[in-house]
PDB file of all heavy atoms in Angstrom:
ATOM      1  N   ARG A   1      -0.688  -8.700  -5.993  1.00  0.00           N
ATOM      2  CA  ARG A   1      -1.055  -7.858  -7.116  1.00  0.00           C
ATOM      3  C   ARG A   1      -0.131  -8.111  -8.309  1.00  0.00           C
ATOM      4  O   ARG A   1      -0.554  -8.036  -9.431  1.00  0.00           O
ATOM      5  CB  ARG A   1      -1.058  -6.384  -6.713  1.00  0.00           C
ATOM      6  CG  ARG A   1      -2.132  -6.044  -5.643  1.00  0.00           C
ATOM      7  CD  ARG A   1      -2.221  -4.574  -5.459  1.00  0.00           C
ATOM      8  NE  ARG A   1      -2.824  -3.879  -6.539  1.00  0.00           N
ATOM      9  CZ  ARG A   1      -4.089  -3.684  -6.720  1.00  0.00           C
ATOM     10  NH1 ARG A   1      -4.978  -4.188  -5.885  1.00  0.00           N
ATOM     11  NH2 ARG A   1      -4.546  -3.022  -7.788  1.00  0.00           N
ATOM     12  N   PHE A   2       1.110  -8.391  -8.026  1.00  0.00           N
ATOM     13  CA  PHE A   2       2.079  -8.643  -9.138  1.00  0.00           C
ATOM     14  C   PHE A   2       1.701  -9.971  -9.817  1.00  0.00           C
ATOM     15  O   PHE A   2       1.611 -10.060 -11.057  1.00  0.00           O
ATOM     16  CB  PHE A   2       3.469  -8.693  -8.625  1.00  0.00           C
ATOM     17  CG  PHE A   2       4.487  -9.235  -9.648  1.00  0.00           C
ATOM     18  CD1 PHE A   2       4.827  -8.432 -10.739  1.00  0.00           C
ATOM     19  CD2 PHE A   2       5.028 -10.482  -9.502  1.00  0.00           C
ATOM     20  CE1 PHE A   2       5.728  -8.897 -11.655  1.00  0.00           C
ATOM     21  CE2 PHE A   2       5.956 -10.899 -10.429  1.00  0.00           C
ATOM     22  CZ  PHE A   2       6.272 -10.144 -11.512  1.00  0.00           C
ATOM     23  N   LEU A   3       1.398 -11.031  -9.033  1.00  0.00           N
ATOM     24  CA  LEU A   3       1.032 -12.282  -9.620  1.00  0.00           C
ATOM     25  C   LEU A   3      -0.281 -12.235 -10.386  1.00  0.00           C
ATOM     26  O   LEU A   3      -0.483 -12.889 -11.412  1.00  0.00           O
ATOM     27  CB  LEU A   3       0.957 -13.369  -8.519  1.00  0.00           C
ATOM     28  CG  LEU A   3       2.321 -13.863  -7.918  1.00  0.00           C
ATOM     29  CD1 LEU A   3       2.017 -14.857  -6.828  1.00  0.00           C
ATOM     30  CD2 LEU A   3       3.152 -14.457  -8.981  1.00  0.00           C
ATOM     31  N   ALA A   4      -1.202 -11.408  -9.886  1.00  0.00           N
ATOM     32  CA  ALA A   4      -2.509 -11.311 -10.505  1.00  0.00           C
ATOM     33  C   ALA A   4      -2.496 -10.367 -11.714  1.00  0.00           C
ATOM     34  O   ALA A   4      -3.523 -10.219 -12.381  1.00  0.00           O
ATOM     35  CB  ALA A   4      -3.567 -10.820  -9.498  1.00  0.00           C
ATOM     36  N   GLY A   5      -1.356  -9.694 -11.980  1.00  0.00           N
ATOM     37  CA  GLY A   5      -1.284  -8.759 -13.083  1.00  0.00           C
ATOM     38  C   GLY A   5      -2.080  -7.465 -12.864  1.00  0.00           C
ATOM     39  O   GLY A   5      -2.398  -6.786 -13.794  1.00  0.00           O
ATOM     40  N   GLN A   6      -2.336  -7.128 -11.595  1.00  0.00           N
ATOM     41  CA  GLN A   6      -3.035  -5.901 -11.269  1.00  0.00           C
ATOM     42  C   GLN A   6      -2.082  -4.721 -11.153  1.00  0.00           C
ATOM     43  O   GLN A   6      -0.875  -4.925 -10.888  1.00  0.00           O
ATOM     44  CB  GLN A   6      -3.853  -6.099  -9.995  1.00  0.00           C
ATOM     45  CG  GLN A   6      -4.908  -7.203 -10.103  1.00  0.00           C
ATOM     46  CD  GLN A   6      -5.591  -7.452  -8.794  1.00  0.00           C
ATOM     47  OE1 GLN A   6      -5.158  -6.955  -7.747  1.00  0.00           O
ATOM     48  NE2 GLN A   6      -6.700  -8.206  -8.803  1.00  0.00           N
ATOM     49  N   PRO A   7      -2.563  -3.522 -11.238  1.00  0.00           N
ATOM     50  CA  PRO A   7      -1.704  -2.321 -11.111  1.00  0.00           C
ATOM     51  C   PRO A   7      -1.091  -2.298  -9.703  1.00  0.00           C
ATOM     52  O   PRO A   7      -1.741  -2.674  -8.715  1.00  0.00           O
ATOM     53  CB  PRO A   7      -2.646  -1.151 -11.313  1.00  0.00           C
ATOM     54  CG  PRO A   7      -3.782  -1.679 -12.098  1.00  0.00           C
ATOM     55  CD  PRO A   7      -3.953  -3.101 -11.641  1.00  0.00           C
ATOM     56  N   PRO A   8       0.178  -1.905  -9.563  1.00  0.00           N
ATOM     57  CA  PRO A   8       0.790  -1.867  -8.221  1.00  0.00           C
ATOM     58  C   PRO A   8       0.204  -0.755  -7.365  1.00  0.00           C
ATOM     59  O   PRO A   8      -0.412   0.213  -7.899  1.00  0.00           O
ATOM     60  CB  PRO A   8       2.269  -1.599  -8.563  1.00  0.00           C
ATOM     61  CG  PRO A   8       2.219  -0.920  -9.893  1.00  0.00           C
ATOM     62  CD  PRO A   8       1.078  -1.491 -10.639  1.00  0.00           C
ATOM     63  N   LEU A   9       0.404  -0.877  -6.061  1.00  0.00           N
ATOM     64  CA  LEU A   9      -0.158   0.076  -5.085  1.00  0.00           C
ATOM     65  C   LEU A   9       0.897   1.071  -4.644  1.00  0.00           C
ATOM     66  O   LEU A   9       2.111   0.664  -4.440  1.00  0.00           O
ATOM     67  CB  LEU A   9      -0.683  -0.677  -3.890  1.00  0.00           C
ATOM     68  CG  LEU A   9      -1.856  -1.671  -4.126  1.00  0.00           C
ATOM     69  CD1 LEU A   9      -2.231  -2.326  -2.817  1.00  0.00           C
ATOM     70  CD2 LEU A   9      -3.060  -0.939  -4.743  1.00  0.00           C
ATOM     71  N   ALA A  10       0.521   2.323  -4.468  1.00  0.00           N
ATOM     72  CA  ALA A  10       1.429   3.339  -3.915  1.00  0.00           C
ATOM     73  C   ALA A  10       1.375   3.278  -2.395  1.00  0.00           C
ATOM     74  O   ALA A  10       0.601   2.570  -1.790  1.00  0.00           O
ATOM     75  CB  ALA A  10       1.026   4.726  -4.420  1.00  0.00           C
ATOM     76  N   ALA A  11       2.245   4.085  -1.776  1.00  0.00           N
ATOM     77  CA  ALA A  11       2.358   4.019  -0.329  1.00  0.00           C
ATOM     78  C   ALA A  11       1.059   4.419   0.366  1.00  0.00           C
ATOM     79  O   ALA A  11       0.658   3.812   1.372  1.00  0.00           O
ATOM     80  CB  ALA A  11       3.468   5.028   0.138  1.00  0.00           C
ATOM     81  N   GLU A  12       0.341   5.418  -0.168  1.00  0.00           N
ATOM     82  CA  GLU A  12      -0.956   5.823   0.462  1.00  0.00           C
ATOM     83  C   GLU A  12      -1.948   4.748   0.431  1.00  0.00           C
ATOM     84  O   GLU A  12      -2.651   4.496   1.429  1.00  0.00           O
ATOM     85  CB  GLU A  12      -1.429   7.092  -0.235  1.00  0.00           C
ATOM     86  CG  GLU A  12      -2.686   7.661   0.372  1.00  0.00           C
ATOM     87  CD  GLU A  12      -3.159   8.929  -0.322  1.00  0.00           C
ATOM     88  OE1 GLU A  12      -2.363   9.520  -1.105  1.00  0.00           O
ATOM     89  OE2 GLU A  12      -4.274   9.408  -0.064  1.00  0.00           O
ATOM     90  N   GLU A  13      -2.050   4.030  -0.710  1.00  0.00           N
ATOM     91  CA  GLU A  13      -3.041   2.930  -0.785  1.00  0.00           C
ATOM     92  C   GLU A  13      -2.632   1.737   0.054  1.00  0.00           C
ATOM     93  O   GLU A  13      -3.465   1.063   0.680  1.00  0.00           O
ATOM     94  CB  GLU A  13      -3.198   2.499  -2.240  1.00  0.00           C
ATOM     95  CG  GLU A  13      -4.271   1.494  -2.489  1.00  0.00           C
ATOM     96  CD  GLU A  13      -5.632   1.926  -2.032  1.00  0.00           C
ATOM     97  OE1 GLU A  13      -5.930   3.155  -2.130  1.00  0.00           O
ATOM     98  OE2 GLU A  13      -6.429   1.075  -1.588  1.00  0.00           O
ATOM     99  N   LEU A  14      -1.323   1.482   0.146  1.00  0.00           N
ATOM    100  CA  LEU A  14      -0.861   0.419   1.067  1.00  0.00           C
ATOM    101  C   LEU A  14      -1.216   0.736   2.487  1.00  0.00           C
ATOM    102  O   LEU A  14      -1.664  -0.136   3.234  1.00  0.00           O
ATOM    103  CB  LEU A  14       0.647   0.243   0.865  1.00  0.00           C
ATOM    104  CG  LEU A  14       1.128  -0.464  -0.413  1.00  0.00           C
ATOM    105  CD1 LEU A  14       2.658  -0.353  -0.512  1.00  0.00           C
ATOM    106  CD2 LEU A  14       0.693  -1.914  -0.420  1.00  0.00           C
ATOM    107  N   ALA A  15      -0.976   1.995   2.878  1.00  0.00           N
ATOM    108  CA  ALA A  15      -1.336   2.367   4.284  1.00  0.00           C
ATOM    109  C   ALA A  15      -2.833   2.257   4.514  1.00  0.00           C
ATOM    110  O   ALA A  15      -3.236   1.859   5.590  1.00  0.00           O
ATOM    111  CB  ALA A  15      -0.881   3.812   4.510  1.00  0.00           C
ATOM    112  N   ARG A  16      -3.621   2.569   3.519  1.00  0.00           N
ATOM    113  CA  ARG A  16      -5.080   2.488   3.702  1.00  0.00           C
ATOM    114  C   ARG A  16      -5.518   1.022   3.841  1.00  0.00           C
ATOM    115  O   ARG A  16      -6.374   0.684   4.699  1.00  0.00           O
ATOM    116  CB  ARG A  16      -5.806   3.132   2.516  1.00  0.00           C
ATOM    117  CG  ARG A  16      -7.335   3.232   2.664  1.00  0.00           C
ATOM    118  CD  ARG A  16      -7.975   3.950   1.556  1.00  0.00           C
ATOM    119  NE  ARG A  16      -7.576   5.370   1.519  1.00  0.00           N
ATOM    120  CZ  ARG A  16      -6.792   5.910   0.610  1.00  0.00           C
ATOM    121  NH1 ARG A  16      -6.359   5.166  -0.384  1.00  0.00           N
ATOM    122  NH2 ARG A  16      -6.463   7.185   0.649  1.00  0.00           N
ATOM    123  N   GLN A  17      -4.935   0.128   3.057  1.00  0.00           N
ATOM    124  CA  GLN A  17      -5.347  -1.257   3.157  1.00  0.00           C
ATOM    125  C   GLN A  17      -4.831  -1.904   4.428  1.00  0.00           C
ATOM    126  O   GLN A  17      -5.453  -2.789   4.987  1.00  0.00           O
ATOM    127  CB  GLN A  17      -4.861  -2.008   1.943  1.00  0.00           C
ATOM    128  CG  GLN A  17      -5.503  -1.611   0.615  1.00  0.00           C
ATOM    129  CD  GLN A  17      -5.509  -2.741  -0.404  1.00  0.00           C
ATOM    130  OE1 GLN A  17      -5.336  -3.882  -0.080  1.00  0.00           O
ATOM    131  NE2 GLN A  17      -5.697  -2.305  -1.682  1.00  0.00           N
ATOM    132  N   MET A  18      -3.663  -1.449   4.904  1.00  0.00           N
ATOM    133  CA  MET A  18      -3.110  -1.989   6.169  1.00  0.00           C
ATOM    134  C   MET A  18      -3.718  -1.264   7.374  1.00  0.00           C
ATOM    135  O   MET A  18      -3.413  -1.656   8.519  1.00  0.00           O
ATOM    136  CB  MET A  18      -1.582  -1.858   6.170  1.00  0.00           C
ATOM    137  CG  MET A  18      -0.863  -2.596   5.072  1.00  0.00           C
ATOM    138  SD  MET A  18      -1.230  -4.380   5.074  1.00  0.00           S
ATOM    139  CE  MET A  18      -0.536  -4.841   6.682  1.00  0.00           C
ATOM    140  N   ARG A  19      -4.492  -0.202   7.130  1.00  0.00           N
ATOM    141  CA  ARG A  19      -5.180   0.548   8.222  1.00  0.00           C
ATOM    142  C   ARG A  19      -4.178   1.151   9.211  1.00  0.00           C
ATOM    143  O   ARG A  19      -4.385   1.065  10.431  1.00  0.00           O
ATOM    144  CB  ARG A  19      -6.189  -0.336   8.948  1.00  0.00           C
ATOM    145  CG  ARG A  19      -7.314  -0.863   8.015  1.00  0.00           C
ATOM    146  CD  ARG A  19      -8.302  -1.721   8.791  1.00  0.00           C
ATOM    147  NE  ARG A  19      -9.334  -2.197   7.897  1.00  0.00           N
ATOM    148  CZ  ARG A  19     -10.325  -3.052   8.272  1.00  0.00           C
ATOM    149  NH1 ARG A  19     -10.376  -3.442   9.561  1.00  0.00           N
ATOM    150  NH2 ARG A  19     -11.197  -3.464   7.403  1.00  0.00           N
ATOM    151  N   VAL A  20      -3.148   1.757   8.656  1.00  0.00           N
ATOM    152  CA  VAL A  20      -2.194   2.473   9.495  1.00  0.00           C
ATOM    153  C   VAL A  20      -1.898   3.795   8.838  1.00  0.00           C
ATOM    154  O   VAL A  20      -2.068   3.959   7.601  1.00  0.00           O
ATOM    155  CB  VAL A  20      -0.867   1.677   9.669  1.00  0.00           C
ATOM    156  CG1 VAL A  20      -1.083   0.387  10.452  1.00  0.00           C
ATOM    157  CG2 VAL A  20      -0.227   1.344   8.304  1.00  0.00           C
ATOM    158  N   PRO A  21      -1.454   4.784   9.585  1.00  0.00           N
ATOM    159  CA  PRO A  21      -1.110   6.104   8.982  1.00  0.00           C
ATOM    160  C   PRO A  21       0.029   5.973   8.009  1.00  0.00           C
ATOM    161  O   PRO A  21       0.911   5.110   8.149  1.00  0.00           O
ATOM    162  CB  PRO A  21      -0.725   6.954  10.199  1.00  0.00           C
ATOM    163  CG  PRO A  21      -1.411   6.315  11.349  1.00  0.00           C
ATOM    164  CD  PRO A  21      -1.421   4.849  11.054  1.00  0.00           C
ATOM    165  N   ALA A  22       0.025   6.804   6.974  1.00  0.00           N
ATOM    166  CA  ALA A  22       1.082   6.767   5.963  1.00  0.00           C
ATOM    167  C   ALA A  22       2.484   7.093   6.592  1.00  0.00           C
ATOM    168  O   ALA A  22       3.477   6.539   6.157  1.00  0.00           O
ATOM    169  CB  ALA A  22       0.785   7.765   4.854  1.00  0.00           C
ATOM    170  N   ASP A  23       2.521   7.973   7.579  1.00  0.00           N
ATOM    171  CA  ASP A  23       3.760   8.287   8.248  1.00  0.00           C
ATOM    172  C   ASP A  23       4.353   7.064   8.946  1.00  0.00           C
ATOM    173  O   ASP A  23       5.577   6.883   9.028  1.00  0.00           O
ATOM    174  CB  ASP A  23       3.572   9.493   9.259  1.00  0.00           C
ATOM    175  CG  ASP A  23       3.373  10.764   8.535  1.00  0.00           C
ATOM    176  OD1 ASP A  23       3.564  10.803   7.327  1.00  0.00           O
ATOM    177  OD2 ASP A  23       2.974  11.681   9.220  1.00  0.00           O
ATOM    178  N   ALA A  24       3.491   6.178   9.460  1.00  0.00           N
ATOM    179  CA  ALA A  24       3.967   5.049  10.159  1.00  0.00           C
ATOM    180  C   ALA A  24       4.493   3.960   9.254  1.00  0.00           C
ATOM    181  O   ALA A  24       5.404   3.191   9.593  1.00  0.00           O
ATOM    182  CB  ALA A  24       2.858   4.460  11.051  1.00  0.00           C
ATOM    183  N   ILE A  25       3.951   3.879   8.049  1.00  0.00           N
ATOM    184  CA  ILE A  25       4.338   2.868   7.100  1.00  0.00           C
ATOM    185  C   ILE A  25       5.613   3.245   6.328  1.00  0.00           C
ATOM    186  O   ILE A  25       6.257   2.399   5.755  1.00  0.00           O
ATOM    187  CB  ILE A  25       3.196   2.575   6.127  1.00  0.00           C
ATOM    188  CG1 ILE A  25       3.292   1.135   5.578  1.00  0.00           C
ATOM    189  CG2 ILE A  25       3.166   3.573   4.952  1.00  0.00           C
ATOM    190  CD1 ILE A  25       2.148   0.724   4.684  1.00  0.00           C
ATOM    191  N   ALA A  26       5.931   4.563   6.367  1.00  0.00           N
ATOM    192  CA  ALA A  26       7.090   5.025   5.553  1.00  0.00           C
ATOM    193  C   ALA A  26       8.396   4.357   5.951  1.00  0.00           C
ATOM    194  O   ALA A  26       9.176   3.957   5.060  1.00  0.00           O
ATOM    195  CB  ALA A  26       7.181   6.555   5.626  1.00  0.00           C
ATOM    196  N   PRO A  27       8.755   4.247   7.243  1.00  0.00           N
ATOM    197  CA  PRO A  27      10.035   3.608   7.613  1.00  0.00           C
ATOM    198  C   PRO A  27      10.125   2.142   7.147  1.00  0.00           C
ATOM    199  O   PRO A  27      11.183   1.653   6.781  1.00  0.00           O
ATOM    200  CB  PRO A  27      10.094   3.693   9.135  1.00  0.00           C
ATOM    201  CG  PRO A  27       9.171   4.825   9.492  1.00  0.00           C
ATOM    202  CD  PRO A  27       8.080   4.760   8.472  1.00  0.00           C
TER     203      PRO A  27
END
């Protein structure tokens, strides 16, 4: 997303795209 010049993703959206709970992705 940085190379494409797109808006960065927050933790919740990263967790959704990785298909894991947000609590699991936090560490």
